PDB file of N, CA and C in Angstrom:
ATOM      1  N   UNK A   1       0.805  -1.191  -0.081  1.00  0.00           N
ATOM      2  CA  UNK A   1       0.087  -0.048  -0.094  1.00  0.00           C
ATOM      3  C   UNK A   1       1.057   1.367  -0.120  1.00  0.00           C
ATOM      4  N   UNK A   2       0.657   2.014  -0.910  1.00  0.00           N
ATOM      5  CA  UNK A   2       1.203   3.291  -1.009  1.00  0.00           C
ATOM      6  C   UNK A   2       0.370   4.686  -1.011  1.00  0.00           C
ATOM      7  N   UNK A   3       1.078   5.722  -0.522  1.00  0.00           N
ATOM      8  CA  UNK A   3       0.149   6.901  -0.759  1.00  0.00           C
ATOM      9  C   UNK A   3      -0.072   7.410  -2.145  1.00  0.00           C
ATOM     10  N   UNK A   4      -1.039   7.854  -2.342  1.00  0.00           N
ATOM     11  CA  UNK A   4      -1.203   8.418  -3.747  1.00  0.00           C
ATOM     12  C   UNK A   4      -1.999   9.890  -3.558  1.00  0.00           C
ATOM     13  N   UNK A   5      -1.699  10.903  -4.660  1.00  0.00           N
ATOM     14  CA  UNK A   5      -2.468  11.999  -4.702  1.00  0.00           C
ATOM     15  C   UNK A   5      -3.316  11.874  -6.052  1.00  0.00           C
ATOM     16  N   UNK A   6      -4.706  12.094  -5.853  1.00  0.00           N
ATOM     17  CA  UNK A   6      -5.516  11.661  -7.164  1.00  0.00           C
ATOM     18  C   UNK A   6      -6.229  13.310  -7.519  1.00  0.00           C
ATOM     19  N   UNK A   7      -5.970  13.818  -8.711  1.00  0.00           N
ATOM     20  CA  UNK A   7      -6.135  14.917  -9.226  1.00  0.00           C
ATOM     21  C   UNK A   7      -7.500  15.090  -9.949  1.00  0.00           C
ATOM     22  N   UNK A   8      -8.220  15.873  -9.791  1.00  0.00           N
ATOM     23  CA  UNK A   8      -9.568  15.806 -10.789  1.00  0.00           C
ATOM     24  C   UNK A   8      -9.843  17.206 -10.900  1.00  0.00           C
ATOM     25  N   UNK A   9     -10.739  17.786 -12.039  1.00  0.00           N
ATOM     26  CA  UNK A   9     -11.176  18.956 -11.950  1.00  0.00           C
ATOM     27  C   UNK A   9     -12.806  19.217 -12.166  1.00  0.00           C
ATOM     28  N   UNK A  10     -13.367  20.129 -11.750  1.00  0.00           N
ATOM     29  CA  UNK A  10     -14.835  20.477 -11.969  1.00  0.00           C
ATOM     30  C   UNK A  10     -14.888  21.815 -12.450  1.00  0.00           C
ATOM     31  N   UNK A  11     -16.105  22.169 -13.000  1.00  0.00           N
ATOM     32  CA  UNK A  11     -16.480  23.538 -13.564  1.00  0.00           C
ATOM     33  C   UNK A  11     -17.144  24.437 -12.328  1.00  0.00           C
ATOM     34  N   UNK A  12     -17.432  23.940 -11.212  1.00  0.00           N
ATOM     35  CA  UNK A  12     -18.108  24.708 -10.482  1.00  0.00           C
ATOM     36  C   UNK A  12     -17.682  24.328  -8.916  1.00  0.00           C
ATOM     37  N   UNK A  13     -17.421  25.127  -8.010  1.00  0.00           N
ATOM     38  CA  UNK A  13     -17.019  24.743  -6.736  1.00  0.00           C
ATOM     39  C   UNK A  13     -17.933  24.145  -5.858  1.00  0.00           C
ATOM     40  N   UNK A  14     -19.246  24.043  -5.999  1.00  0.00           N
ATOM     41  CA  UNK A  14     -20.242  23.817  -5.519  1.00  0.00           C
ATOM     42  C   UNK A  14     -20.147  21.680  -5.792  1.00  0.00           C
ATOM     43  N   UNK A  15     -19.975  21.610  -7.106  1.00  0.00           N
ATOM     44  CA  UNK A  15     -19.889  20.169  -7.628  1.00  0.00           C
ATOM     45  C   UNK A  15     -18.613  19.615  -6.894  1.00  0.00           C
ATOM     46  N   UNK A  16     -17.500  20.495  -6.850  1.00  0.00           N
ATOM     47  CA  UNK A  16     -16.005  20.208  -6.394  1.00  0.00           C
ATOM     48  C   UNK A  16     -16.341  19.740  -4.848  1.00  0.00           C
ATOM     49  N   UNK A  17     -16.851  20.716  -3.738  1.00  0.00           N
ATOM     50  CA  UNK A  17     -16.953  20.303  -2.635  1.00  0.00           C
ATOM     51  C   UNK A  17     -18.095  19.201  -2.364  1.00  0.00           C
ATOM     52  N   UNK A  18     -19.017  19.094  -3.163  1.00  0.00           N
ATOM     53  CA  UNK A  18     -19.819  17.991  -2.973  1.00  0.00           C
ATOM     54  C   UNK A  18     -19.107  16.699  -3.110  1.00  0.00           C
ATOM     55  N   UNK A  19     -18.222  16.605  -4.218  1.00  0.00           N
ATOM     56  CA  UNK A  19     -17.642  15.189  -4.503  1.00  0.00           C
ATOM     57  C   UNK A  19     -16.576  15.223  -3.296  1.00  0.00           C
ATOM     58  N   UNK A  20     -16.005  16.140  -2.857  1.00  0.00           N
ATOM     59  CA  UNK A  20     -14.752  16.142  -1.865  1.00  0.00           C
ATOM     60  C   UNK A  20     -15.238  15.377  -0.415  1.00  0.00           C
ATOM     61  N   UNK A  21     -16.518  16.159   0.039  1.00  0.00           N
ATOM     62  CA  UNK A  21     -17.099  15.514   1.291  1.00  0.00           C
ATOM     63  C   UNK A  21     -17.422  14.192   1.156  1.00  0.00           C
ATOM     64  N   UNK A  22     -18.157  13.752  -0.054  1.00  0.00           N
ATOM     65  CA  UNK A  22     -18.508  12.373  -0.218  1.00  0.00           C
ATOM     66  C   UNK A  22     -17.180  11.448  -0.374  1.00  0.00           C
ATOM     67  N   UNK A  23     -16.316  11.896  -0.656  1.00  0.00           N
ATOM     68  CA  UNK A  23     -15.010  10.963  -0.769  1.00  0.00           C
ATOM     69  C   UNK A  23     -14.461  10.599   0.723  1.00  0.00           C
ATOM     70  N   UNK A  24     -14.440  11.851   1.457  1.00  0.00           N
ATOM     71  CA  UNK A  24     -13.999  11.804   2.904  1.00  0.00           C
ATOM     72  C   UNK A  24     -15.027  10.882   3.904  1.00  0.00           C
ATOM     73  N   UNK A  25     -16.226  11.311   3.283  1.00  0.00           N
ATOM     74  CA  UNK A  25     -17.516  10.392   4.175  1.00  0.00           C
ATOM     75  C   UNK A  25     -17.204   8.951   3.760  1.00  0.00           C
ATOM     76  N   UNK A  26     -17.073   8.640   2.808  1.00  0.00           N
ATOM     77  CA  UNK A  26     -17.027   7.066   2.424  1.00  0.00           C
ATOM     78  C   UNK A  26     -15.711   6.480   2.597  1.00  0.00           C
ATOM     79  N   UNK A  27     -14.665   7.298   3.249  1.00  0.00           N
ATOM     80  CA  UNK A  27     -13.144   7.055   3.554  1.00  0.00           C
ATOM     81  C   UNK A  27     -12.763   6.210   2.048  1.00  0.00           C
ATOM     82  N   UNK A  28     -12.713   7.048   1.066  1.00  0.00           N
ATOM     83  CA  UNK A  28     -12.216   6.824  -0.129  1.00  0.00           C
ATOM     84  C   UNK A  28     -10.903   7.634  -0.167  1.00  0.00           C
ATOM     85  N   UNK A  29     -11.047   8.814   0.513  1.00  0.00           N
ATOM     86  CA  UNK A  29     -10.085   9.873   0.502  1.00  0.00           C
ATOM     87  C   UNK A  29      -9.700  10.232   2.167  1.00  0.00           C
ATOM     88  N   UNK A  30      -8.476  10.568   2.473  1.00  0.00           N
ATOM     89  CA  UNK A  30      -8.536  10.941   4.003  1.00  0.00           C
ATOM     90  C   UNK A  30      -8.548  12.442   4.141  1.00  0.00           C
ATOM     91  N   UNK A  31      -8.301  13.006   3.199  1.00  0.00           N
ATOM     92  CA  UNK A  31      -8.140  14.683   3.139  1.00  0.00           C
ATOM     93  C   UNK A  31      -8.650  14.973   1.350  1.00  0.00           C
ATOM     94  N   UNK A  32      -9.132  15.939   1.389  1.00  0.00           N
ATOM     95  CA  UNK A  32      -9.205  16.410  -0.120  1.00  0.00           C
ATOM     96  C   UNK A  32      -9.341  17.965  -0.060  1.00  0.00           C
ATOM     97  N   UNK A  33      -8.299  18.482  -0.747  1.00  0.00           N
ATOM     98  CA  UNK A  33      -8.186  19.917  -1.064  1.00  0.00           C
ATOM     99  C   UNK A  33      -8.818  20.475  -2.312  1.00  0.00           C
ATOM    100  N   UNK A  34      -9.570  21.479  -2.263  1.00  0.00           N
ATOM    101  CA  UNK A  34     -10.361  21.929  -3.120  1.00  0.00           C
ATOM    102  C   UNK A  34      -9.478  23.607  -3.663  1.00  0.00           C
ATOM    103  N   UNK A  35      -9.387  23.643  -4.695  1.00  0.00           N
ATOM    104  CA  UNK A  35      -8.350  24.675  -5.297  1.00  0.00           C
ATOM    105  C   UNK A  35      -9.171  25.615  -6.140  1.00  0.00           C
ATOM    106  N   UNK A  36      -9.700  26.948  -5.943  1.00  0.00           N
ATOM    107  CA  UNK A  36     -10.594  27.484  -7.126  1.00  0.00           C
ATOM    108  C   UNK A  36      -9.578  28.138  -7.820  1.00  0.00           C
ATOM    109  N   UNK A  37     -10.138  28.683  -8.988  1.00  0.00           N
ATOM    110  CA  UNK A  37      -9.359  29.693  -9.683  1.00  0.00           C
ATOM    111  C   UNK A  37      -8.393  29.054 -10.784  1.00  0.00           C
ATOM    112  N   UNK A  38      -8.301  27.853 -11.086  1.00  0.00           N
ATOM    113  CA  UNK A  38      -7.387  27.114 -11.872  1.00  0.00           C
ATOM    114  C   UNK A  38      -7.790  27.413 -13.387  1.00  0.00           C
ATOM    115  N   UNK A  39      -6.855  27.743 -14.061  1.00  0.00           N
ATOM    116  CA  UNK A  39      -7.043  28.126 -15.578  1.00  0.00           C
ATOM    117  C   UNK A  39      -6.471  26.795 -16.519  1.00  0.00           C
ATOM    118  N   UNK A  40      -7.427  26.216 -16.885  1.00  0.00           N
ATOM    119  CA  UNK A  40      -7.031  24.907 -17.665  1.00  0.00           C
ATOM    120  C   UNK A  40      -7.273  25.331 -19.323  1.00  0.00           C
ATOM    121  N   UNK A  41      -6.323  24.896 -20.252  1.00  0.00           N
ATOM    122  CA  UNK A  41      -6.258  25.214 -21.550  1.00  0.00           C
ATOM    123  C   UNK A  41      -5.973  23.611 -21.931  1.00  0.00           C
ATOM    124  N   UNK A  42      -6.856  23.188 -22.949  1.00  0.00           N
ATOM    125  CA  UNK A  42      -6.717  21.892 -23.388  1.00  0.00           C
ATOM    126  C   UNK A  42      -7.547  21.530 -24.732  1.00  0.00           C
ATOM    127  N   UNK A  43      -7.115  20.673 -25.360  1.00  0.00           N
ATOM    128  CA  UNK A  43      -7.631  20.174 -26.552  1.00  0.00           C
ATOM    129  C   UNK A  43      -8.937  19.290 -26.461  1.00  0.00           C
ATOM    130  N   UNK A  44     -10.116  19.825 -26.897  1.00  0.00           N
ATOM    131  CA  UNK A  44     -11.191  18.829 -26.653  1.00  0.00           C
ATOM    132  C   UNK A  44     -12.230  18.989 -28.228  1.00  0.00           C
ATOM    133  N   UNK A  45     -12.440  18.053 -28.696  1.00  0.00           N
ATOM    134  CA  UNK A  45     -13.203  17.842 -30.059  1.00  0.00           C
ATOM    135  C   UNK A  45     -12.808  18.818 -30.948  1.00  0.00           C
ATOM    136  N   UNK A  46     -11.504  18.519 -31.248  1.00  0.00           N
ATOM    137  CA  UNK A  46     -10.944  19.414 -32.558  1.00  0.00           C
ATOM    138  C   UNK A  46     -10.280  20.718 -32.093  1.00  0.00           C
ATOM    139  N   UNK A  47     -10.695  21.167 -31.082  1.00  0.00           N
ATOM    140  CA  UNK A  47     -10.394  22.773 -30.797  1.00  0.00           C
ATOM    141  C   UNK A  47      -9.578  22.809 -29.436  1.00  0.00           C
ATOM    142  N   UNK A  48      -8.946  23.962 -29.379  1.00  0.00           N
ATOM    143  CA  UNK A  48      -8.334  24.520 -27.971  1.00  0.00           C
ATOM    144  C   UNK A  48      -9.463  25.162 -27.254  1.00  0.00           C
ATOM    145  N   UNK A  49      -9.625  24.611 -26.074  1.00  0.00           N
ATOM    146  CA  UNK A  49     -10.735  25.195 -25.183  1.00  0.00           C
ATOM    147  C   UNK A  49      -9.795  25.923 -23.931  1.00  0.00           C
ATOM    148  N   UNK A  50     -10.426  26.851 -23.710  1.00  0.00           N
ATOM    149  CA  UNK A  50      -9.913  27.610 -22.154  1.00  0.00           C
ATOM    150  C   UNK A  50     -11.164  27.734 -21.075  1.00  0.00           C
ATOM    151  N   UNK A  51     -10.767  27.467 -19.984  1.00  0.00           N
ATOM    152  CA  UNK A  51     -11.956  27.299 -18.997  1.00  0.00           C
ATOM    153  C   UNK A  51     -11.148  27.701 -17.585  1.00  0.00           C
ATOM    154  N   UNK A  52     -12.130  28.216 -16.853  1.00  0.00           N
ATOM    155  CA  UNK A  52     -11.520  28.313 -15.246  1.00  0.00           C
ATOM    156  C   UNK A  52     -12.214  27.064 -14.787  1.00  0.00           C
ATOM    157  N   UNK A  53     -11.705  26.356 -13.944  1.00  0.00           N
ATOM    158  CA  UNK A  53     -12.108  25.233 -13.133  1.00  0.00           C
ATOM    159  C   UNK A  53     -11.608  25.145 -11.846  1.00  0.00           C
ATOM    160  N   UNK A  54     -12.059  24.292 -11.213  1.00  0.00           N
ATOM    161  CA  UNK A  54     -11.869  23.950  -9.863  1.00  0.00           C
ATOM    162  C   UNK A  54     -10.866  22.643  -9.715  1.00  0.00           C
ATOM    163  N   UNK A  55      -9.743  22.835  -9.135  1.00  0.00           N
ATOM    164  CA  UNK A  55      -9.006  21.484  -8.915  1.00  0.00           C
ATOM    165  C   UNK A  55      -9.313  20.843  -7.437  1.00  0.00           C
ATOM    166  N   UNK A  56      -9.228  19.439  -7.658  1.00  0.00           N
ATOM    167  CA  UNK A  56      -9.421  18.664  -6.692  1.00  0.00           C
ATOM    168  C   UNK A  56      -8.493  17.789  -6.510  1.00  0.00           C
ATOM    169  N   UNK A  57      -7.783  17.770  -5.094  1.00  0.00           N
ATOM    170  CA  UNK A  57      -6.607  16.803  -5.084  1.00  0.00           C
ATOM    171  C   UNK A  57      -7.029  15.950  -3.700  1.00  0.00           C
ATOM    172  N   UNK A  58      -7.116  14.692  -4.005  1.00  0.00           N
ATOM    173  CA  UNK A  58      -7.664  13.564  -2.812  1.00  0.00           C
ATOM    174  C   UNK A  58      -6.319  12.919  -2.424  1.00  0.00           C
ATOM    175  N   UNK A  59      -6.248  12.999  -1.131  1.00  0.00           N
ATOM    176  CA  UNK A  59      -5.048  12.238  -0.738  1.00  0.00           C
ATOM    177  C   UNK A  59      -5.534  10.741  -0.134  1.00  0.00           C
ATOM    178  N   UNK A  60      -5.080   9.546  -0.851  1.00  0.00           N
ATOM    179  CA  UNK A  60      -5.522   8.290  -0.515  1.00  0.00           C
ATOM    180  C   UNK A  60      -4.613   7.262  -0.628  1.00  0.00           C
ATOM    181  N   UNK A  61      -4.602   5.899  -0.638  1.00  0.00           N
ATOM    182  CA  UNK A  61      -3.753   4.838  -0.938  1.00  0.00           C
ATOM    183  C   UNK A  61      -4.254   3.942  -1.869  1.00  0.00           C
ATOM    184  N   UNK A  62      -3.039   3.232  -2.472  1.00  0.00           N
ATOM    185  CA  UNK A  62      -3.246   2.537  -4.002  1.00  0.00           C
ATOM    186  C   UNK A  62      -4.469   1.559  -3.510  1.00  0.00           C
ATOM    187  N   UNK A  63      -4.589   1.060  -2.460  1.00  0.00           N
ATOM    188  CA  UNK A  63      -5.452   0.117  -2.240  1.00  0.00           C
ATOM    189  C   UNK A  63      -6.956   0.525  -2.368  1.00  0.00           C
ATOM    190  N   UNK A  64      -7.106   1.691  -2.152  1.00  0.00           N
ATOM    191  CA  UNK A  64      -8.349   2.338  -2.174  1.00  0.00           C
ATOM    192  C   UNK A  64      -8.694   3.200  -3.724  1.00  0.00           C
ATOM    193  N   UNK A  65      -7.567   3.136  -4.557  1.00  0.00           N
ATOM    194  CA  UNK A  65      -7.576   3.875  -5.735  1.00  0.00           C
ATOM    195  C   UNK A  65      -8.887   3.420  -6.731  1.00  0.00           C
ATOM    196  N   UNK A  66      -8.983   2.030  -6.979  1.00  0.00           N
ATOM    197  CA  UNK A  66      -9.848   1.885  -7.886  1.00  0.00           C
ATOM    198  C   UNK A  66     -11.422   2.145  -7.607  1.00  0.00           C
ATOM    199  N   UNK A  67     -11.734   1.976  -6.373  1.00  0.00           N
ATOM    200  CA  UNK A  67     -12.794   2.303  -5.756  1.00  0.00           C
ATOM    201  C   UNK A  67     -13.137   3.902  -5.711  1.00  0.00           C
ATOM    202  N   UNK A  68     -11.917   4.604  -5.645  1.00  0.00           N
ATOM    203  CA  UNK A  68     -12.073   6.038  -5.552  1.00  0.00           C
ATOM    204  C   UNK A  68     -12.270   6.344  -7.257  1.00  0.00           C
ATOM    205  N   UNK A  69     -11.714   6.007  -8.110  1.00  0.00           N
ATOM    206  CA  UNK A  69     -11.873   6.279  -9.245  1.00  0.00           C
ATOM    207  C   UNK A  69     -13.080   6.063  -9.979  1.00  0.00           C
ATOM    208  N   UNK A  70     -13.847   4.832  -9.698  1.00  0.00           N
ATOM    209  CA  UNK A  70     -14.904   4.300 -10.340  1.00  0.00           C
ATOM    210  C   UNK A  70     -15.980   5.503  -9.457  1.00  0.00           C
ATOM    211  N   UNK A  71     -15.991   5.743  -8.235  1.00  0.00           N
ATOM    212  CA  UNK A  71     -16.918   6.861  -7.339  1.00  0.00           C
ATOM    213  C   UNK A  71     -16.759   8.225  -8.346  1.00  0.00           C
ATOM    214  N   UNK A  72     -15.441   8.614  -8.717  1.00  0.00           N
ATOM    215  CA  UNK A  72     -15.135   9.965  -9.366  1.00  0.00           C
ATOM    216  C   UNK A  72     -15.945   9.855 -10.577  1.00  0.00           C
ATOM    217  N   UNK A  73     -15.469   8.773 -11.528  1.00  0.00           N
ATOM    218  CA  UNK A  73     -15.967   8.545 -12.773  1.00  0.00           C
ATOM    219  C   UNK A  73     -17.784   8.794 -12.804  1.00  0.00           C
ATOM    220  N   UNK A  74     -18.407   7.926 -12.049  1.00  0.00           N
ATOM    221  CA  UNK A  74     -19.651   7.704 -12.087  1.00  0.00           C
ATOM    222  C   UNK A  74     -20.460   8.958 -11.358  1.00  0.00           C
ATOM    223  N   UNK A  75     -19.713   9.837 -10.609  1.00  0.00           N
ATOM    224  CA  UNK A  75     -20.388  11.236 -10.129  1.00  0.00           C
ATOM    225  C   UNK A  75     -20.070  12.469 -10.744  1.00  0.00           C
ATOM    226  N   UNK A  76     -19.196  12.225 -11.926  1.00  0.00           N
ATOM    227  CA  UNK A  76     -18.642  13.443 -12.317  1.00  0.00           C
ATOM    228  C   UNK A  76     -19.457  13.871 -13.681  1.00  0.00           C
ATOM    229  N   UNK A  77     -19.675  15.279 -13.720  1.00  0.00           N
ATOM    230  CA  UNK A  77     -20.413  15.582 -14.896  1.00  0.00           C
ATOM    231  C   UNK A  77     -19.817  15.757 -16.286  1.00  0.00           C
ATOM    232  N   UNK A  78     -18.469  15.654 -16.213  1.00  0.00           N
ATOM    233  CA  UNK A  78     -17.630  15.604 -17.456  1.00  0.00           C
ATOM    234  C   UNK A  78     -17.975  14.357 -18.281  1.00  0.00           C
ATOM    235  N   UNK A  79     -17.876  14.555 -19.467  1.00  0.00           N
ATOM    236  CA  UNK A  79     -17.854  13.119 -20.274  1.00  0.00           C
ATOM    237  C   UNK A  79     -16.463  12.251 -19.998  1.00  0.00           C
ATOM    238  N   UNK A  80     -15.666  12.964 -20.093  1.00  0.00           N
ATOM    239  CA  UNK A  80     -14.156  12.344 -19.601  1.00  0.00           C
ATOM    240  C   UNK A  80     -13.642  12.932 -18.682  1.00  0.00           C
ATOM    241  N   UNK A  81     -13.866  12.757 -17.461  1.00  0.00           N
ATOM    242  CA  UNK A  81     -13.294  13.666 -16.591  1.00  0.00           C
ATOM    243  C   UNK A  81     -11.728  13.112 -16.206  1.00  0.00           C
ATOM    244  N   UNK A  82     -10.776  14.223 -15.708  1.00  0.00           N
ATOM    245  CA  UNK A  82      -9.482  13.872 -15.422  1.00  0.00           C
ATOM    246  C   UNK A  82      -9.676  13.232 -14.203  1.00  0.00           C
ATOM    247  N   UNK A  83      -8.951  12.139 -14.229  1.00  0.00           N
ATOM    248  CA  UNK A  83      -8.685  11.367 -13.029  1.00  0.00           C
ATOM    249  C   UNK A  83      -7.258  11.006 -13.103  1.00  0.00           C
ATOM    250  N   UNK A  84      -6.330  11.511 -12.276  1.00  0.00           N
ATOM    251  CA  UNK A  84      -5.019  11.242 -12.451  1.00  0.00           C
ATOM    252  C   UNK A  84      -4.504  11.046 -11.131  1.00  0.00           C
ATOM    253  N   UNK A  85      -3.798  10.022 -10.872  1.00  0.00           N
ATOM    254  CA  UNK A  85      -3.216   9.536  -9.598  1.00  0.00           C
ATOM    255  C   UNK A  85      -1.635   9.564  -9.879  1.00  0.00           C
ATOM    256  N   UNK A  86      -1.145  10.287  -8.695  1.00  0.00           N
ATOM    257  CA  UNK A  86       0.412  10.175  -8.687  1.00  0.00           C
ATOM    258  C   UNK A  86       0.797   9.639  -7.488  1.00  0.00           C
ATOM    259  N   UNK A  87       1.830   8.633  -7.361  1.00  0.00           N
ATOM    260  CA  UNK A  87       2.348   8.134  -6.522  1.00  0.00           C
ATOM    261  C   UNK A  87       3.308   9.166  -5.465  1.00  0.00           C
ATOM    262  N   UNK A  88       3.215   8.738  -4.475  1.00  0.00           N
ATOM    263  CA  UNK A  88       4.070   9.756  -3.495  1.00  0.00           C
ATOM    264  C   UNK A  88       5.069   9.024  -3.030  1.00  0.00           C
ATOM    265  N   UNK A  89       6.479   9.411  -3.663  1.00  0.00           N
ATOM    266  CA  UNK A  89       7.788   8.811  -3.215  1.00  0.00           C
ATOM    267  C   UNK A  89       8.027   8.990  -1.802  1.00  0.00           C
ATOM    268  N   UNK A  90       7.831  10.026  -1.092  1.00  0.00           N
ATOM    269  CA  UNK A  90       8.497   9.972  -0.009  1.00  0.00           C
ATOM    270  C   UNK A  90       7.095  10.776   1.128  1.00  0.00           C
ATOM    271  N   UNK A  91       6.948  10.601   2.278  1.00  0.00           N
ATOM    272  CA  UNK A  91       5.730  10.961   3.126  1.00  0.00           C
ATOM    273  C   UNK A  91       6.514  10.727   4.501  1.00  0.00           C
ATOM    274  N   UNK A  92       5.828  12.014   5.060  1.00  0.00           N
ATOM    275  CA  UNK A  92       6.179  11.820   6.805  1.00  0.00           C
ATOM    276  C   UNK A  92       5.494  10.500   7.485  1.00  0.00           C
ATOM    277  N   UNK A  93       6.159   9.514   8.070  1.00  0.00           N
ATOM    278  CA  UNK A  93       5.698   8.410   8.769  1.00  0.00           C
ATOM    279  C   UNK A  93       4.377   8.759   9.550  1.00  0.00           C
ATOM    280  N   UNK A  94       4.450   9.661  10.213  1.00  0.00           N
ATOM    281  CA  UNK A  94       3.134   9.888  11.112  1.00  0.00           C
ATOM    282  C   UNK A  94       2.007  10.285  10.324  1.00  0.00           C
ATOM    283  N   UNK A  95       2.499  11.075   9.344  1.00  0.00           N
ATOM    284  CA  UNK A  95       1.235  11.394   8.145  1.00  0.00           C
ATOM    285  C   UNK A  95       0.636  10.327   7.736  1.00  0.00           C
ATOM    286  N   UNK A  96       1.573   9.416   7.118  1.00  0.00           N
ATOM    287  CA  UNK A  96       0.866   8.297   6.361  1.00  0.00           C
ATOM    288  C   UNK A  96       0.219   7.257   7.442  1.00  0.00           C
ATOM    289  N   UNK A  97       0.895   7.244   8.676  1.00  0.00           N
ATOM    290  CA  UNK A  97      -0.005   6.216   9.525  1.00  0.00           C
ATOM    291  C   UNK A  97      -1.595   7.045   9.652  1.00  0.00           C
ATOM    292  N   UNK A  98      -1.515   8.303   9.868  1.00  0.00           N
ATOM    293  CA  UNK A  98      -2.929   9.228   9.979  1.00  0.00           C
ATOM    294  C   UNK A  98      -3.717   8.767   8.745  1.00  0.00           C
ATOM    295  N   UNK A  99      -3.160   8.792   7.489  1.00  0.00           N
ATOM    296  CA  UNK A  99      -3.709   8.554   6.184  1.00  0.00           C
ATOM    297  C   UNK A  99      -4.328   7.317   6.086  1.00  0.00           C
ATOM    298  N   UNK A 100      -3.405   6.298   6.400  1.00  0.00           N
ATOM    299  CA  UNK A 100      -4.164   4.915   6.543  1.00  0.00           C
ATOM    300  C   UNK A 100      -5.298   4.626   7.305  1.00  0.00           C
ATOM    301  N   UNK A 101      -5.023   5.106   8.644  1.00  0.00           N
ATOM    302  CA  UNK A 101      -6.106   5.033   9.822  1.00  0.00           C
ATOM    303  C   UNK A 101      -7.229   5.816   9.418  1.00  0.00           C
ATOM    304  N   UNK A 102      -6.995   6.726   8.753  1.00  0.00           N
ATOM    305  CA  UNK A 102      -8.607   7.689   8.316  1.00  0.00           C
ATOM    306  C   UNK A 102      -9.391   6.822   7.347  1.00  0.00           C
ATOM    307  N   UNK A 103      -8.615   5.910   6.606  1.00  0.00           N
ATOM    308  CA  UNK A 103      -9.525   5.037   5.428  1.00  0.00           C
ATOM    309  C   UNK A 103      -9.867   3.702   5.887  1.00  0.00           C
ATOM    310  N   UNK A 104      -9.947   3.535   7.260  1.00  0.00           N
ATOM    311  CA  UNK A 104     -10.595   2.579   7.904  1.00  0.00           C
ATOM    312  C   UNK A 104     -11.865   2.530   8.152  1.00  0.00           C
TER     313      UNK A 104
END
């Protein structure tokens, strides 16, 4: 089991906070950060798009990832949501203990 940071974006802070709370309540993430004002530029359906989005960073573990991914995918308003997991190489031992305990 390894710590992961999982990133996704939303077009409204209400949707982002709703998902964040559900992830923590269902113990799919120990902590979720919601960052407003992210400027995204991306290629979609043949053209470059520019949008202001809300970035969500969920802190979880590798053994909870598939469940978290499925939940985000099924709850997300986007056709193809960004769901990107990044492994954490180093973490404070006490923080990782808290993270694992929070997901039980």
